[in-house]
N, C-alpha and C. Protein backbone atom coordinates (compact mmCIF):
# COMPACT_ATOMS: atom_id res chain seq x y z
N MET A 1 48.12 -33.46 15.21
CA MET A 1 47.52 -34.70 14.58
C MET A 1 48.38 -35.64 14.95
N ASN A 2 47.59 -37.18 14.99
CA ASN A 2 48.45 -37.47 15.38
C ASN A 2 49.60 -38.26 14.33
N GLU A 3 51.05 -38.49 14.39
CA GLU A 3 51.69 -38.56 12.96
C GLU A 3 51.92 -39.71 12.37
N LYS A 4 50.57 -41.14 13.39
CA LYS A 4 50.81 -42.28 12.19
C LYS A 4 49.64 -41.90 11.12
N VAL A 5 48.61 -41.22 11.32
CA VAL A 5 47.38 -40.70 10.99
C VAL A 5 48.32 -39.63 9.80
N ALA A 6 49.05 -39.38 9.66
CA ALA A 6 49.95 -37.72 8.82
C ALA A 6 50.21 -38.51 7.68
N HIS A 7 50.08 -40.29 7.83
CA HIS A 7 51.06 -40.75 6.71
C HIS A 7 50.19 -41.35 5.97
N ILE A 8 49.19 -40.88 6.11
CA ILE A 8 48.22 -42.17 5.27
C ILE A 8 48.30 -42.07 3.67
N PRO A 9 48.83 -40.65 3.38
CA PRO A 9 48.70 -40.96 1.71
C PRO A 9 50.37 -41.94 0.96
N GLU A 10 50.54 -41.38 2.24
CA GLU A 10 52.05 -42.42 2.18
C GLU A 10 51.63 -44.10 1.86
N ARG A 11 50.81 -44.32 3.03
CA ARG A 11 50.53 -45.97 2.64
C ARG A 11 49.85 -46.31 1.90
N ILE A 12 49.03 -45.75 1.44
CA ILE A 12 48.18 -45.41 0.49
C ILE A 12 49.14 -46.17 -1.02
N LYS A 13 49.65 -44.94 -1.47
CA LYS A 13 50.67 -44.87 -2.38
C LYS A 13 51.76 -46.35 -2.07
N GLU A 14 52.35 -46.73 -1.21
CA GLU A 14 52.94 -47.86 -0.83
C GLU A 14 52.99 -48.58 -0.92
N LEU A 15 51.18 -49.35 -0.30
CA LEU A 15 50.45 -50.07 -1.44
C LEU A 15 50.09 -50.21 -2.29
N ARG A 16 49.92 -49.04 -3.27
CA ARG A 16 49.13 -49.45 -4.11
C ARG A 16 50.23 -49.48 -5.08
N GLU A 17 52.03 -49.62 -5.08
CA GLU A 17 52.61 -49.75 -5.59
C GLU A 17 53.24 -51.08 -5.36
N ILE A 18 52.93 -51.18 -4.13
CA ILE A 18 53.33 -53.11 -4.07
C ILE A 18 53.19 -53.32 -5.15
N LEU A 19 51.33 -53.59 -4.59
CA LEU A 19 50.13 -54.33 -5.81
C LEU A 19 50.39 -54.04 -7.24
N GLU A 20 51.24 -53.19 -7.47
CA GLU A 20 51.56 -52.83 -9.22
C GLU A 20 49.87 -51.85 -9.88
N ILE A 21 49.39 -51.21 -9.06
CA ILE A 21 48.23 -50.46 -9.30
C ILE A 21 48.39 -49.40 -10.10
N SER A 22 48.05 -49.40 -11.21
CA SER A 22 48.46 -48.00 -11.17
C SER A 22 47.62 -46.60 -10.85
N VAL A 23 47.96 -45.55 -10.67
CA VAL A 23 47.41 -44.57 -10.00
C VAL A 23 45.94 -44.18 -10.75
N LEU A 24 46.11 -44.50 -11.85
CA LEU A 24 44.74 -44.57 -13.44
C LEU A 24 43.98 -45.12 -12.64
N ASP A 25 44.42 -46.43 -12.85
CA ASP A 25 43.12 -48.06 -12.37
C ASP A 25 42.97 -47.60 -11.33
N MET A 26 43.58 -47.20 -10.23
CA MET A 26 43.47 -47.40 -8.71
C MET A 26 42.00 -45.98 -8.68
N ALA A 27 42.25 -44.92 -9.50
CA ALA A 27 41.03 -44.15 -9.63
C ALA A 27 40.04 -44.29 -10.28
N LYS A 28 40.13 -45.27 -11.49
CA LYS A 28 39.08 -45.84 -12.24
C LYS A 28 38.62 -47.30 -11.22
N ASP A 29 39.07 -47.74 -10.46
CA ASP A 29 38.57 -48.50 -9.43
C ASP A 29 37.90 -48.16 -8.36
N THR A 30 38.04 -47.35 -7.75
CA THR A 30 37.33 -46.93 -7.21
C THR A 30 36.29 -45.57 -7.17
N ASP A 31 36.57 -45.48 -8.35
CA ASP A 31 35.22 -44.53 -9.42
C ASP A 31 35.44 -43.26 -8.73
N ILE A 32 37.03 -42.54 -8.41
CA ILE A 32 37.23 -41.34 -7.76
C ILE A 32 37.67 -40.61 -8.73
N PRO A 33 37.64 -39.53 -9.33
CA PRO A 33 38.20 -38.52 -9.96
C PRO A 33 39.38 -38.50 -10.22
N LEU A 34 40.08 -38.98 -11.12
CA LEU A 34 42.03 -39.04 -11.19
C LEU A 34 42.52 -37.77 -9.91
N GLU A 35 42.68 -36.75 -10.75
CA GLU A 35 42.55 -35.32 -10.61
C GLU A 35 42.90 -35.61 -8.66
N THR A 36 41.53 -35.92 -8.13
CA THR A 36 40.86 -35.65 -6.57
C THR A 36 42.05 -36.91 -6.11
N TYR A 37 42.16 -37.66 -6.85
CA TYR A 37 42.43 -39.52 -6.00
C TYR A 37 43.90 -39.03 -5.88
N SER A 38 44.58 -38.48 -7.44
CA SER A 38 46.58 -38.00 -6.62
C SER A 38 46.04 -37.22 -5.68
N LYS A 39 45.74 -35.98 -5.54
CA LYS A 39 45.74 -35.24 -4.96
C LYS A 39 45.96 -35.73 -2.95
N TYR A 40 44.59 -36.77 -3.05
CA TYR A 40 44.09 -37.84 -1.99
C TYR A 40 46.17 -38.08 -1.93
N GLU A 41 46.26 -39.09 -2.39
CA GLU A 41 47.57 -39.26 -2.72
C GLU A 41 48.61 -39.06 -2.12
N LYS A 42 48.26 -37.37 -3.13
CA LYS A 42 50.16 -36.85 -2.50
C LYS A 42 49.87 -35.78 -1.20
N GLY A 43 48.78 -35.96 -0.58
CA GLY A 43 47.96 -35.76 0.80
C GLY A 43 47.99 -34.25 0.55
N GLU A 44 47.31 -33.35 -0.55
CA GLU A 44 47.16 -32.15 -1.12
C GLU A 44 45.38 -32.37 -0.68
N LEU A 45 44.71 -33.16 -0.15
CA LEU A 45 43.53 -33.36 -0.19
C LEU A 45 42.96 -33.71 1.29
N ASP A 46 41.53 -33.37 2.23
CA ASP A 46 41.77 -34.86 3.00
C ASP A 46 40.92 -36.16 2.61
N ILE A 47 40.87 -36.78 3.31
CA ILE A 47 40.28 -38.02 2.80
C ILE A 47 38.96 -38.38 3.62
N PRO A 48 37.83 -38.80 2.70
CA PRO A 48 36.83 -38.88 4.02
C PRO A 48 36.77 -40.22 4.53
N ILE A 49 36.45 -40.20 5.67
CA ILE A 49 36.13 -41.82 5.78
C ILE A 49 35.65 -42.88 5.39
N SER A 50 34.74 -42.41 4.18
CA SER A 50 33.94 -43.18 3.40
C SER A 50 35.62 -43.78 2.32
N VAL A 51 35.82 -43.02 1.92
CA VAL A 51 36.43 -42.96 0.64
C VAL A 51 37.83 -44.13 0.98
N LEU A 52 38.18 -43.81 2.74
CA LEU A 52 39.15 -44.20 2.94
C LEU A 52 39.18 -46.25 3.23
N TYR A 53 37.35 -46.16 3.08
CA TYR A 53 36.33 -47.50 3.24
C TYR A 53 37.11 -47.96 1.47
N THR A 54 36.38 -47.21 0.95
CA THR A 54 37.15 -47.73 -0.79
C THR A 54 38.59 -47.94 -0.72
N ILE A 55 39.01 -47.11 -0.57
CA ILE A 55 40.21 -47.36 -1.02
C ILE A 55 41.23 -48.54 -0.28
N ALA A 56 40.65 -48.88 0.98
CA ALA A 56 41.07 -50.09 1.94
C ALA A 56 40.90 -51.20 0.69
N ASN A 57 39.22 -51.18 0.56
CA ASN A 57 38.64 -52.53 -0.26
C ASN A 57 39.35 -52.89 -1.26
N ARG A 58 40.08 -51.91 -1.97
CA ARG A 58 40.41 -51.95 -3.42
C ARG A 58 41.80 -52.58 -2.68
N LEU A 59 42.54 -52.06 -2.21
CA LEU A 59 43.82 -52.51 -1.61
C LEU A 59 43.91 -53.85 -0.81
N GLY A 60 42.78 -54.40 -0.44
CA GLY A 60 42.76 -55.99 -0.48
C GLY A 60 43.33 -55.59 1.09
N THR A 61 42.61 -54.81 1.71
CA THR A 61 43.13 -54.23 3.36
C THR A 61 42.41 -54.00 4.10
N ASP A 62 42.80 -53.77 5.26
CA ASP A 62 41.85 -53.13 6.56
C ASP A 62 41.79 -51.87 6.47
N VAL A 63 40.97 -50.86 6.60
CA VAL A 63 40.85 -49.51 6.96
C VAL A 63 41.74 -49.19 8.34
N THR A 64 42.54 -49.69 9.34
CA THR A 64 43.25 -49.84 10.57
C THR A 64 44.00 -49.64 9.95
N VAL A 65 44.83 -50.46 8.47
CA VAL A 65 46.44 -50.11 7.85
C VAL A 65 46.56 -48.89 7.41
N LEU A 66 45.66 -48.15 7.13
CA LEU A 66 45.51 -47.14 5.99
C LEU A 66 45.54 -46.01 7.43
N LEU A 67 44.93 -46.19 8.34
CA LEU A 67 44.86 -45.08 9.72
C LEU A 67 46.48 -44.88 10.47
N THR A 68 46.62 -46.34 10.81
CA THR A 68 47.70 -46.54 12.39
C THR A 68 48.94 -46.95 11.09
N GLY A 69 48.88 -47.60 10.38
CA GLY A 69 50.58 -48.94 9.81
C GLY A 69 50.43 -50.02 10.33
N GLU A 70 49.26 -50.40 10.65
CA GLU A 70 49.10 -51.66 11.80
C GLU A 70 48.00 -52.38 11.24
N GLU A 71 48.19 -53.50 11.24
CA GLU A 71 46.55 -54.61 11.47
C GLU A 71 45.97 -54.33 12.55
N ALA A 72 44.69 -54.53 12.18
CA ALA A 72 44.16 -54.57 13.30
C ALA A 72 43.81 -56.55 13.59
N ARG A 73 43.54 -56.32 15.02
CA ARG A 73 43.92 -57.80 15.79
C ARG A 73 42.62 -58.22 16.15
N MET A 74 41.66 -57.74 16.78
CA MET A 74 40.60 -58.35 17.13
C MET A 74 39.66 -58.20 16.81
N ASP A 75 39.04 -59.97 16.60
CA ASP A 75 37.96 -60.36 16.08
C ASP A 75 36.96 -60.65 16.49
N SER A 76 36.92 -60.89 18.21
CA SER A 76 35.84 -61.27 18.50
C SER A 76 35.36 -59.59 19.60
N ALA A 77 36.18 -59.24 19.96
CA ALA A 77 35.99 -57.78 20.80
C ALA A 77 36.71 -57.30 20.92
N ALA A 78 36.77 -55.93 21.07
CA ALA A 78 37.80 -54.82 20.52
C ALA A 78 37.61 -53.73 21.46
N VAL A 79 37.99 -53.80 22.45
CA VAL A 79 38.06 -52.02 24.04
C VAL A 79 38.65 -51.13 23.28
N CYS A 80 38.28 -49.75 23.65
CA CYS A 80 38.83 -48.54 23.08
C CYS A 80 38.52 -47.61 24.23
N ARG A 81 39.95 -47.69 25.40
CA ARG A 81 39.49 -47.07 26.43
C ARG A 81 39.52 -45.60 26.25
N LYS A 82 38.87 -44.31 26.81
CA LYS A 82 38.76 -43.25 26.51
C LYS A 82 39.88 -42.39 26.28
N GLY A 83 40.01 -41.93 25.65
CA GLY A 83 40.75 -40.93 24.58
C GLY A 83 42.12 -41.60 24.14
N LYS A 84 42.11 -42.87 23.79
CA LYS A 84 42.75 -44.03 22.86
C LYS A 84 42.40 -44.31 21.43
N GLY A 85 41.54 -43.58 21.44
CA GLY A 85 40.78 -43.84 19.92
C GLY A 85 41.98 -43.19 18.57
N VAL A 86 41.97 -44.18 17.81
CA VAL A 86 42.94 -43.10 16.69
C VAL A 86 42.18 -41.68 16.09
N GLN A 87 43.15 -41.15 16.56
CA GLN A 87 42.22 -39.56 16.44
C GLN A 87 42.99 -38.59 15.37
N ILE A 88 42.21 -38.26 13.79
CA ILE A 88 42.29 -37.72 13.05
C ILE A 88 41.94 -36.19 13.01
N GLU A 89 42.52 -35.35 12.83
CA GLU A 89 41.94 -33.94 12.38
C GLU A 89 41.79 -34.17 10.42
N ARG A 90 40.44 -33.85 10.81
CA ARG A 90 39.87 -34.05 8.50
C ARG A 90 40.16 -32.33 8.42
N TYR A 91 39.74 -31.37 9.46
CA TYR A 91 39.79 -30.19 8.94
C TYR A 91 39.93 -29.43 10.11
N PRO A 92 40.30 -27.88 10.25
CA PRO A 92 40.35 -27.10 11.37
C PRO A 92 38.92 -27.12 12.06
N GLY A 93 38.52 -27.61 13.41
CA GLY A 93 37.04 -27.36 13.33
C GLY A 93 36.47 -28.94 13.70
N TYR A 94 37.11 -29.47 12.95
CA TYR A 94 36.40 -30.91 12.78
C TYR A 94 37.54 -32.18 12.88
N GLU A 95 37.50 -32.84 14.27
CA GLU A 95 38.31 -34.11 14.66
C GLU A 95 37.72 -35.25 14.94
N PHE A 96 38.12 -36.73 14.64
CA PHE A 96 37.57 -37.24 15.30
C PHE A 96 38.69 -38.85 15.97
N SER A 97 37.89 -39.19 16.28
CA SER A 97 38.99 -40.44 17.35
C SER A 97 37.95 -41.86 16.49
N SER A 98 38.38 -42.92 15.57
CA SER A 98 37.97 -44.37 15.68
C SER A 98 38.18 -44.74 16.84
N LEU A 99 36.59 -45.09 17.19
CA LEU A 99 36.68 -46.29 18.51
C LEU A 99 36.91 -47.54 18.34
N ALA A 100 36.91 -48.11 17.39
CA ALA A 100 36.72 -49.96 16.62
C ALA A 100 38.33 -50.04 15.96
N TYR A 101 39.18 -49.24 15.55
CA TYR A 101 39.38 -49.18 14.90
C TYR A 101 40.82 -50.75 14.84
N ASN A 102 40.69 -51.50 15.92
CA ASN A 102 41.41 -52.34 16.37
C ASN A 102 40.94 -53.70 15.94
N PHE A 103 39.38 -53.33 15.76
CA PHE A 103 38.90 -54.92 15.03
C PHE A 103 38.22 -55.00 13.88
N LYS A 104 38.76 -56.60 13.67
CA LYS A 104 38.78 -57.06 12.33
C LYS A 104 37.75 -56.85 11.60
N HIS A 105 37.60 -56.18 10.19
CA HIS A 105 36.76 -56.67 9.25
C HIS A 105 35.54 -55.60 10.02
N ARG A 106 35.35 -54.76 10.37
CA ARG A 106 34.06 -54.35 10.35
C ARG A 106 33.46 -53.78 9.60
N THR A 107 31.87 -54.04 9.56
CA THR A 107 31.04 -53.39 9.05
C THR A 107 30.23 -51.84 9.03
N MET A 108 30.75 -51.44 10.14
CA MET A 108 30.49 -50.36 10.43
C MET A 108 31.82 -49.42 10.85
N GLU A 109 31.44 -48.32 10.89
CA GLU A 109 32.58 -47.41 11.61
C GLU A 109 32.51 -46.45 13.15
N PRO A 110 32.46 -46.38 14.23
CA PRO A 110 32.08 -45.71 15.02
C PRO A 110 33.14 -44.78 15.62
N LEU A 111 32.90 -43.64 15.07
CA LEU A 111 33.51 -42.05 15.64
C LEU A 111 33.29 -41.50 16.53
N LEU A 112 33.89 -40.97 17.31
CA LEU A 112 33.78 -39.77 18.59
C LEU A 112 34.23 -38.24 17.49
N VAL A 113 33.34 -37.50 17.37
CA VAL A 113 33.67 -36.41 16.45
C VAL A 113 33.75 -34.62 17.44
N LEU A 114 34.81 -34.38 16.94
CA LEU A 114 34.64 -32.69 17.98
C LEU A 114 34.88 -31.92 17.03
N LEU A 115 33.50 -30.84 17.37
CA LEU A 115 33.75 -29.84 16.15
C LEU A 115 33.67 -28.74 17.13
N ASP A 116 34.10 -27.58 16.75
CA ASP A 116 35.05 -26.46 17.01
C ASP A 116 33.27 -25.16 15.86
N SER A 117 32.88 -24.16 16.50
CA SER A 117 32.18 -23.64 16.28
C SER A 117 32.87 -21.97 15.37
N SER A 118 34.05 -22.40 16.19
CA SER A 118 35.23 -20.49 16.11
C SER A 118 36.00 -21.25 14.51
N LYS A 119 35.85 -22.44 13.91
CA LYS A 119 35.98 -23.06 12.80
C LYS A 119 35.57 -22.33 11.51
N PRO A 120 35.22 -22.68 10.46
CA PRO A 120 34.05 -22.47 9.53
C PRO A 120 33.80 -23.86 8.77
N GLN A 121 32.50 -23.51 8.70
CA GLN A 121 32.04 -25.12 8.66
C GLN A 121 32.32 -25.54 7.34
N ALA A 122 32.48 -27.19 7.54
CA ALA A 122 32.74 -27.83 6.73
C ALA A 122 32.02 -28.10 5.17
N SER A 123 32.36 -28.50 4.06
CA SER A 123 31.32 -28.58 2.79
C SER A 123 30.48 -29.79 3.27
N LYS A 124 28.97 -30.10 2.79
CA LYS A 124 29.05 -31.03 2.64
C LYS A 124 29.41 -32.64 1.62
N VAL A 125 29.15 -33.41 2.38
CA VAL A 125 29.67 -35.06 1.82
C VAL A 125 28.72 -35.93 1.92
N SER A 126 28.74 -36.99 0.95
CA SER A 126 27.59 -37.61 0.80
C SER A 126 29.19 -39.03 0.20
N HIS A 127 28.23 -40.26 1.00
CA HIS A 127 29.17 -41.52 0.15
C HIS A 127 28.12 -42.57 1.04
N SER A 128 28.78 -43.78 0.81
CA SER A 128 27.94 -44.80 0.68
C SER A 128 26.76 -45.14 1.84
N GLY A 129 26.06 -46.11 2.03
CA GLY A 129 25.65 -46.39 3.31
C GLY A 129 24.73 -45.21 3.96
N GLN A 130 24.48 -45.84 5.29
CA GLN A 130 23.96 -44.71 5.99
C GLN A 130 24.67 -44.06 7.53
N GLU A 131 24.46 -43.69 8.28
CA GLU A 131 24.68 -43.05 9.23
C GLU A 131 23.90 -42.60 10.47
N PHE A 132 24.54 -42.74 11.53
CA PHE A 132 23.54 -42.51 12.79
C PHE A 132 24.43 -41.46 14.03
N ASN A 133 24.36 -40.28 14.03
CA ASN A 133 24.89 -39.42 15.23
C ASN A 133 24.10 -39.20 16.19
N TYR A 134 25.05 -39.12 17.82
CA TYR A 134 24.58 -38.94 18.72
C TYR A 134 25.26 -38.23 19.07
N VAL A 135 24.18 -36.72 20.19
CA VAL A 135 25.27 -35.65 20.77
C VAL A 135 25.68 -36.43 22.19
N VAL A 136 26.85 -36.24 21.95
CA VAL A 136 27.14 -36.35 24.01
C VAL A 136 27.44 -34.56 24.49
N GLU A 137 27.58 -33.90 23.53
CA GLU A 137 27.86 -33.01 23.82
C GLU A 137 28.01 -31.38 23.51
N GLY A 138 27.31 -30.80 23.88
CA GLY A 138 26.72 -29.06 23.39
C GLY A 138 25.71 -29.08 22.17
N GLN A 139 25.54 -28.53 21.09
CA GLN A 139 24.48 -28.12 19.67
C GLN A 139 25.37 -28.79 18.75
N VAL A 140 24.83 -29.48 18.15
CA VAL A 140 24.96 -29.57 16.82
C VAL A 140 24.07 -29.47 15.37
N LYS A 141 24.78 -28.88 14.66
CA LYS A 141 23.70 -28.24 13.39
C LYS A 141 24.02 -29.43 13.07
N VAL A 142 23.33 -30.63 12.38
CA VAL A 142 23.38 -31.62 10.68
C VAL A 142 22.47 -31.44 9.57
N THR A 143 23.23 -30.96 8.51
CA THR A 143 22.24 -30.39 7.43
C THR A 143 22.59 -31.70 6.70
N VAL A 144 21.34 -32.23 5.90
CA VAL A 144 21.19 -33.41 5.53
C VAL A 144 20.25 -33.26 3.98
N GLY A 145 21.48 -32.75 2.72
CA GLY A 145 20.26 -32.00 1.70
C GLY A 145 19.73 -30.50 2.20
N ASN A 146 18.49 -30.25 2.01
CA ASN A 146 18.08 -29.25 2.53
C ASN A 146 17.26 -28.69 3.55
N SER A 147 17.05 -30.10 4.65
CA SER A 147 16.89 -29.86 6.02
C SER A 147 17.84 -29.66 6.73
N GLU A 148 17.91 -28.68 7.79
CA GLU A 148 19.03 -28.25 8.87
C GLU A 148 18.55 -28.75 10.26
N HIS A 149 18.72 -29.67 10.46
CA HIS A 149 18.84 -30.00 12.08
C HIS A 149 19.18 -29.65 13.27
N ILE A 150 18.88 -28.83 14.79
CA ILE A 150 19.35 -28.95 15.50
C ILE A 150 19.09 -29.74 16.59
N LEU A 151 20.64 -30.58 16.82
CA LEU A 151 20.24 -31.54 18.11
C LEU A 151 21.39 -30.94 19.60
N SER A 152 20.41 -31.75 20.67
CA SER A 152 21.45 -31.08 21.25
C SER A 152 21.85 -32.82 22.44
N GLN A 153 22.65 -32.53 23.19
CA GLN A 153 22.37 -33.61 24.15
C GLN A 153 22.00 -34.95 24.49
N GLY A 154 22.28 -35.60 23.99
CA GLY A 154 21.20 -36.93 23.71
C GLY A 154 19.88 -37.14 22.85
N ASP A 155 19.92 -36.16 21.74
CA ASP A 155 19.56 -36.46 20.42
C ASP A 155 20.48 -37.36 19.53
N THR A 156 19.50 -37.90 18.31
CA THR A 156 19.51 -38.37 17.49
C THR A 156 19.74 -38.13 15.92
N ILE A 157 19.78 -38.49 15.24
CA ILE A 157 19.59 -38.76 13.87
C ILE A 157 20.44 -39.63 13.06
N TYR A 158 19.69 -40.44 12.66
CA TYR A 158 19.73 -41.69 11.39
C TYR A 158 19.77 -41.33 9.68
N PHE A 159 20.33 -41.14 8.75
CA PHE A 159 19.66 -40.29 7.54
C PHE A 159 20.58 -41.45 6.31
N ASP A 160 20.21 -41.35 5.53
CA ASP A 160 20.76 -42.21 4.16
C ASP A 160 21.98 -41.24 3.95
N ALA A 161 22.93 -42.04 4.06
CA ALA A 161 24.42 -41.02 3.30
C ALA A 161 24.79 -40.55 2.06
N ARG A 162 24.25 -41.10 1.26
CA ARG A 162 24.31 -40.48 -0.13
C ARG A 162 24.22 -39.80 -0.31
N ILE A 163 22.78 -38.95 0.56
CA ILE A 163 22.22 -36.96 0.43
C ILE A 163 23.65 -36.55 0.88
N PRO A 164 23.67 -35.65 0.20
CA PRO A 164 25.36 -34.50 0.71
C PRO A 164 24.46 -34.28 2.52
N HIS A 165 25.76 -34.44 2.77
CA HIS A 165 25.32 -33.90 4.46
C HIS A 165 26.45 -33.21 5.27
N CYS A 166 26.73 -32.62 6.59
CA CYS A 166 27.89 -32.20 7.02
C CYS A 166 26.99 -31.97 8.63
N GLN A 167 27.96 -31.13 9.42
CA GLN A 167 27.96 -31.14 11.21
C GLN A 167 28.57 -30.33 11.51
N SER A 168 28.10 -29.47 12.28
CA SER A 168 28.81 -28.05 12.49
C SER A 168 28.22 -27.56 14.35
N ALA A 169 28.96 -27.77 14.62
CA ALA A 169 28.76 -27.70 16.18
C ALA A 169 28.15 -25.89 16.37
N VAL A 170 27.56 -25.69 17.31
CA VAL A 170 26.44 -24.64 17.56
C VAL A 170 27.07 -23.82 18.82
N ASN A 171 28.05 -22.62 18.47
CA ASN A 171 27.72 -21.91 19.52
C ASN A 171 29.12 -22.82 20.64
N GLY A 172 30.52 -22.73 20.10
CA GLY A 172 31.61 -23.39 21.41
C GLY A 172 31.18 -24.61 20.68
N THR A 173 31.71 -25.73 21.32
CA THR A 173 32.07 -26.69 20.88
C THR A 173 31.46 -27.70 21.01
N ALA A 174 31.21 -29.35 20.49
CA ALA A 174 30.60 -29.94 20.63
C ALA A 174 31.10 -31.23 20.20
N GLN A 175 30.51 -32.15 20.92
CA GLN A 175 30.79 -33.65 20.70
C GLN A 175 29.43 -34.64 20.05
N PHE A 176 29.97 -35.41 19.09
CA PHE A 176 28.74 -36.44 18.53
C PHE A 176 29.51 -37.70 18.54
N ILE A 177 28.60 -38.81 18.40
CA ILE A 177 29.20 -40.19 18.16
C ILE A 177 28.55 -40.09 16.71
N THR A 178 29.49 -40.50 15.66
CA THR A 178 28.53 -41.18 14.47
C THR A 178 28.82 -42.76 13.85
N ILE A 179 28.20 -43.39 13.63
CA ILE A 179 28.50 -44.52 13.21
C ILE A 179 28.42 -44.38 11.84
N ILE A 180 29.15 -45.18 10.85
CA ILE A 180 28.54 -45.07 9.57
C ILE A 180 28.41 -46.90 9.04
N GLN A 181 27.41 -46.98 8.19
CA GLN A 181 27.45 -48.43 8.11
C GLN A 181 27.43 -47.91 7.12
N GLU A 182 28.80 -48.98 6.15
CA GLU A 182 28.97 -48.43 4.49
C GLU A 182 27.73 -49.85 4.21
């Protein structure tokens, strides 16, 4: 995992303390159960990207600050060269690269996701907004609610992200691009 990314919980805690927001108020303001929020801030629980947006919004900062420790710099266009996105391993077998991390005030989050079927499947998540997935390589099983969809290279799915969902690789590794609109 990128060393900068490993410090996300520390950055959140530091910004919260600078702004003199209590842990209890932060949990209430972000509508995250106190126990869950505390685990996020202690680094005991992976923080979903959608939750990072919620926390960044409450702290009055861009999610890039939480991801990298640096401010996003671009406001008209941001190029992300191959292999240069901010990489995050959410859990074994599911890692992603933020492809627009350097664009200020973005309203969507494009991510390149790498999945490995030899690792345990991720639990379903839900978040506000909508989500779009485009399979770049391999096969991806996308579960939305109780429906399962097997997608191959070039296939897409668009869904309401409030519905619990997850993605997993089918037989080996797979890559897909996801665009999350909050």
